[in-house]
Amino acid sequence: MNEVIILIGCILAVVWIAWIAVKKIVYGLFYAATKAIENAKRKDHE
């Protein structure tokens, strides 16, 4: 029984770490995209 609990714990830990990593990548891409859009808008105004 303990092996099952340890296995579930490991899976949850991996999923949690992967979720955090994915969120950071998505936020990074979103931030880069908004910066690119702002720069493009500035170039249009100039």
PDB file of N, CA and C in Angstrom:
ATOM      1  N   MET A   1       0.834  -1.212   0.000  1.00  0.00           N
ATOM      2  CA  MET A   1       0.000   0.000   0.000  1.00  0.00           C
ATOM      3  C   MET A   1       0.868   1.262   0.000  1.00  0.00           C
ATOM      4  N   ASN A   2       1.942   1.238   0.766  1.00  0.00           N
ATOM      5  CA  ASN A   2       2.817   2.420   0.831  1.00  0.00           C
ATOM      6  C   ASN A   2       3.417   2.742  -0.536  1.00  0.00           C
ATOM      7  N   GLU A   3       3.736   1.692  -1.321  1.00  0.00           N
ATOM      8  CA  GLU A   3       4.318   1.931  -2.648  1.00  0.00           C
ATOM      9  C   GLU A   3       3.353   2.718  -3.531  1.00  0.00           C
ATOM     10  N   VAL A   4       2.064   2.399  -3.430  1.00  0.00           N
ATOM     11  CA  VAL A   4       1.052   3.103  -4.232  1.00  0.00           C
ATOM     12  C   VAL A   4       0.996   4.576  -3.833  1.00  0.00           C
ATOM     13  N   ILE A   5       1.013   4.849  -2.532  1.00  0.00           N
ATOM     14  CA  ILE A   5       0.972   6.237  -2.046  1.00  0.00           C
ATOM     15  C   ILE A   5       2.205   7.004  -2.526  1.00  0.00           C
ATOM     16  N   ILE A   6       3.377   6.355  -2.448  1.00  0.00           N
ATOM     17  CA  ILE A   6       4.625   6.998  -2.904  1.00  0.00           C
ATOM     18  C   ILE A   6       4.536   7.270  -4.408  1.00  0.00           C
ATOM     19  N   LEU A   7       4.023   6.290  -5.163  1.00  0.00           N
ATOM     20  CA  LEU A   7       3.888   6.445  -6.617  1.00  0.00           C
ATOM     21  C   LEU A   7       2.962   7.615  -6.955  1.00  0.00           C
ATOM     22  N   ILE A   8       1.811   7.674  -6.286  1.00  0.00           N
ATOM     23  CA  ILE A   8       0.862   8.778  -6.515  1.00  0.00           C
ATOM     24  C   ILE A   8       1.514  10.115  -6.145  1.00  0.00           C
ATOM     25  N   GLY A   9       2.236  10.138  -5.045  1.00  0.00           N
ATOM     26  CA  GLY A   9       2.927  11.355  -4.615  1.00  0.00           C
ATOM     27  C   GLY A   9       3.937  11.821  -5.651  1.00  0.00           C
ATOM     28  N   CYS A  10       4.692  10.866  -6.204  1.00  0.00           N
ATOM     29  CA  CYS A  10       5.687  11.208  -7.235  1.00  0.00           C
ATOM     30  C   CYS A  10       5.003  11.749  -8.485  1.00  0.00           C
ATOM     31  N   ILE A  11       3.914  11.108  -8.893  1.00  0.00           N
ATOM     32  CA  ILE A  11       3.181  11.564 -10.083  1.00  0.00           C
ATOM     33  C   ILE A  11       2.638  12.975  -9.861  1.00  0.00           C
ATOM     34  N   LEU A  12       2.049  13.202  -8.691  1.00  0.00           N
ATOM     35  CA  LEU A  12       1.521  14.536  -8.387  1.00  0.00           C
ATOM     36  C   LEU A  12       2.630  15.584  -8.383  1.00  0.00           C
ATOM     37  N   ALA A  13       3.790  15.229  -7.822  1.00  0.00           N
ATOM     38  CA  ALA A  13       4.920  16.161  -7.788  1.00  0.00           C
ATOM     39  C   ALA A  13       5.375  16.505  -9.202  1.00  0.00           C
ATOM     40  N   VAL A  14       5.483  15.487 -10.056  1.00  0.00           N
ATOM     41  CA  VAL A  14       5.911  15.717 -11.448  1.00  0.00           C
ATOM     42  C   VAL A  14       4.896  16.594 -12.181  1.00  0.00           C
ATOM     43  N   VAL A  15       3.592  16.277 -11.996  1.00  0.00           N
ATOM     44  CA  VAL A  15       2.536  17.065 -12.647  1.00  0.00           C
ATOM     45  C   VAL A  15       2.581  18.513 -12.164  1.00  0.00           C
ATOM     46  N   TRP A  16       2.771  18.713 -10.849  1.00  0.00           N
ATOM     47  CA  TRP A  16       2.827  20.054 -10.269  1.00  0.00           C
ATOM     48  C   TRP A  16       3.985  20.842 -10.860  1.00  0.00           C
ATOM     49  N   ILE A  17       5.178  20.206 -10.914  1.00  0.00           N
ATOM     50  CA  ILE A  17       6.370  20.879 -11.459  1.00  0.00           C
ATOM     51  C   ILE A  17       6.151  21.199 -12.943  1.00  0.00           C
ATOM     52  N   ALA A  18       5.584  20.240 -13.679  1.00  0.00           N
ATOM     53  CA  ALA A  18       5.330  20.459 -15.107  1.00  0.00           C
ATOM     54  C   ALA A  18       4.338  21.608 -15.310  1.00  0.00           C
ATOM     55  N   TRP A  19       3.286  21.658 -14.468  1.00  0.00           N
ATOM     56  CA  TRP A  19       2.277  22.719 -14.560  1.00  0.00           C
ATOM     57  C   TRP A  19       2.910  24.082 -14.322  1.00  0.00           C
ATOM     58  N   ILE A  20       3.780  24.183 -13.287  1.00  0.00           N
ATOM     59  CA  ILE A  20       4.468  25.445 -13.000  1.00  0.00           C
ATOM     60  C   ILE A  20       5.353  25.834 -14.185  1.00  0.00           C
ATOM     61  N   ALA A  21       6.078  24.856 -14.739  1.00  0.00           N
ATOM     62  CA  ALA A  21       6.963  25.134 -15.874  1.00  0.00           C
ATOM     63  C   ALA A  21       6.164  25.620 -17.079  1.00  0.00           C
ATOM     64  N   VAL A  22       5.050  24.950 -17.355  1.00  0.00           N
ATOM     65  CA  VAL A  22       4.202  25.344 -18.496  1.00  0.00           C
ATOM     66  C   VAL A  22       3.653  26.752 -18.287  1.00  0.00           C
ATOM     67  N   LYS A  23       3.192  27.039 -17.059  1.00  0.00           N
ATOM     68  CA  LYS A  23       2.666  28.382 -16.780  1.00  0.00           C
ATOM     69  C   LYS A  23       3.747  29.439 -17.003  1.00  0.00           C
ATOM     70  N   LYS A  24       4.990  29.160 -16.540  1.00  0.00           N
ATOM     71  CA  LYS A  24       6.077  30.129 -16.713  1.00  0.00           C
ATOM     72  C   LYS A  24       6.366  30.347 -18.191  1.00  0.00           C
ATOM     73  N   ILE A  25       6.355  29.264 -18.977  1.00  0.00           N
ATOM     74  CA  ILE A  25       6.613  29.390 -20.421  1.00  0.00           C
ATOM     75  C   ILE A  25       5.505  30.207 -21.079  1.00  0.00           C
ATOM     76  N   VAL A  26       4.237  29.899 -20.716  1.00  0.00           N
ATOM     77  CA  VAL A  26       3.101  30.623 -21.304  1.00  0.00           C
ATOM     78  C   VAL A  26       3.165  32.103 -20.931  1.00  0.00           C
ATOM     79  N   TYR A  27       3.426  32.397 -19.651  1.00  0.00           N
ATOM     80  CA  TYR A  27       3.543  33.802 -19.233  1.00  0.00           C
ATOM     81  C   TYR A  27       4.706  34.484 -19.956  1.00  0.00           C
ATOM     82  N   GLY A  28       5.817  33.775 -20.123  1.00  0.00           N
ATOM     83  CA  GLY A  28       6.975  34.326 -20.833  1.00  0.00           C
ATOM     84  C   GLY A  28       6.640  34.668 -22.276  1.00  0.00           C
ATOM     85  N   LEU A  29       5.950  33.743 -22.948  1.00  0.00           N
ATOM     86  CA  LEU A  29       5.553  33.984 -24.337  1.00  0.00           C
ATOM     87  C   LEU A  29       4.557  35.142 -24.426  1.00  0.00           C
ATOM     88  N   PHE A  30       3.600  35.165 -23.508  1.00  0.00           N
ATOM     89  CA  PHE A  30       2.592  36.230 -23.488  1.00  0.00           C
ATOM     90  C   PHE A  30       3.257  37.586 -23.266  1.00  0.00           C
ATOM     91  N   TYR A  31       4.214  37.645 -22.324  1.00  0.00           N
ATOM     92  CA  TYR A  31       4.950  38.880 -22.032  1.00  0.00           C
ATOM     93  C   TYR A  31       5.739  39.327 -23.259  1.00  0.00           C
ATOM     94  N   ALA A  32       6.419  38.380 -23.900  1.00  0.00           N
ATOM     95  CA  ALA A  32       7.196  38.710 -25.103  1.00  0.00           C
ATOM     96  C   ALA A  32       6.278  39.215 -26.212  1.00  0.00           C
ATOM     97  N   ALA A  33       5.112  38.578 -26.352  1.00  0.00           N
ATOM     98  CA  ALA A  33       4.166  38.980 -27.395  1.00  0.00           C
ATOM     99  C   ALA A  33       3.638  40.390 -27.133  1.00  0.00           C
ATOM    100  N   THR A  34       3.277  40.698 -25.887  1.00  0.00           N
ATOM    101  CA  THR A  34       2.767  42.037 -25.574  1.00  0.00           C
ATOM    102  C   THR A  34       3.851  43.086 -25.805  1.00  0.00           C
ATOM    103  N   LYS A  35       5.100  42.747 -25.440  1.00  0.00           N
ATOM    104  CA  LYS A  35       6.211  43.685 -25.679  1.00  0.00           C
ATOM    105  C   LYS A  35       6.392  43.926 -27.178  1.00  0.00           C
ATOM    106  N   ALA A  36       6.316  42.860 -27.971  1.00  0.00           N
ATOM    107  CA  ALA A  36       6.475  42.984 -29.426  1.00  0.00           C
ATOM    108  C   ALA A  36       5.363  43.847 -30.008  1.00  0.00           C
ATOM    109  N   ILE A  37       4.136  43.647 -29.516  1.00  0.00           N
ATOM    110  CA  ILE A  37       2.997  44.439 -30.005  1.00  0.00           C
ATOM    111  C   ILE A  37       3.190  45.916 -29.629  1.00  0.00           C
ATOM    112  N   GLU A  38       3.632  46.172 -28.395  1.00  0.00           N
ATOM    113  CA  GLU A  38       3.867  47.558 -27.969  1.00  0.00           C
ATOM    114  C   GLU A  38       4.938  48.210 -28.839  1.00  0.00           C
ATOM    115  N   ASN A  39       6.025  47.476 -29.104  1.00  0.00           N
ATOM    116  CA  ASN A  39       7.096  48.017 -29.939  1.00  0.00           C
ATOM    117  C   ASN A  39       6.596  48.299 -31.356  1.00  0.00           C
ATOM    118  N   ALA A  40       5.774  47.403 -31.883  1.00  0.00           N
ATOM    119  CA  ALA A  40       5.215  47.591 -33.231  1.00  0.00           C
ATOM    120  C   ALA A  40       4.321  48.828 -33.259  1.00  0.00           C
ATOM    121  N   LYS A  41       3.502  49.021 -32.215  1.00  0.00           N
ATOM    122  CA  LYS A  41       2.630  50.187 -32.150  1.00  0.00           C
ATOM    123  C   LYS A  41       3.460  51.469 -32.089  1.00  0.00           C
ATOM    124  N   ARG A  42       4.538  51.445 -31.306  1.00  0.00           N
ATOM    125  CA  ARG A  42       5.406  52.627 -31.200  1.00  0.00           C
ATOM    126  C   ARG A  42       6.011  52.962 -32.551  1.00  0.00           C
ATOM    127  N   LYS A  43       6.455  51.931 -33.284  1.00  0.00           N
ATOM    128  CA  LYS A  43       7.054  52.160 -34.601  1.00  0.00           C
ATOM    129  C   LYS A  43       6.022  52.763 -35.552  1.00  0.00           C
ATOM    130  N   ASP A  44       4.769  52.328 -35.455  1.00  0.00           N
ATOM    131  CA  ASP A  44       3.717  52.867 -36.313  1.00  0.00           C
ATOM    132  C   ASP A  44       3.471  54.349 -36.008  1.00  0.00           C
ATOM    133  N   HIS A  45       3.516  54.711 -34.735  1.00  0.00           N
ATOM    134  CA  HIS A  45       3.267  56.103 -34.348  1.00  0.00           C
ATOM    135  C   HIS A  45       4.410  57.017 -34.760  1.00  0.00           C
ATOM    136  N   GLU A  46       5.639  56.513 -34.717  1.00  0.00           N
ATOM    137  CA  GLU A  46       6.804  57.364 -35.025  1.00  0.00           C
ATOM    138  C   GLU A  46       6.909  57.702 -36.501  1.00  0.00           C
TER     139      GLU A  46
END
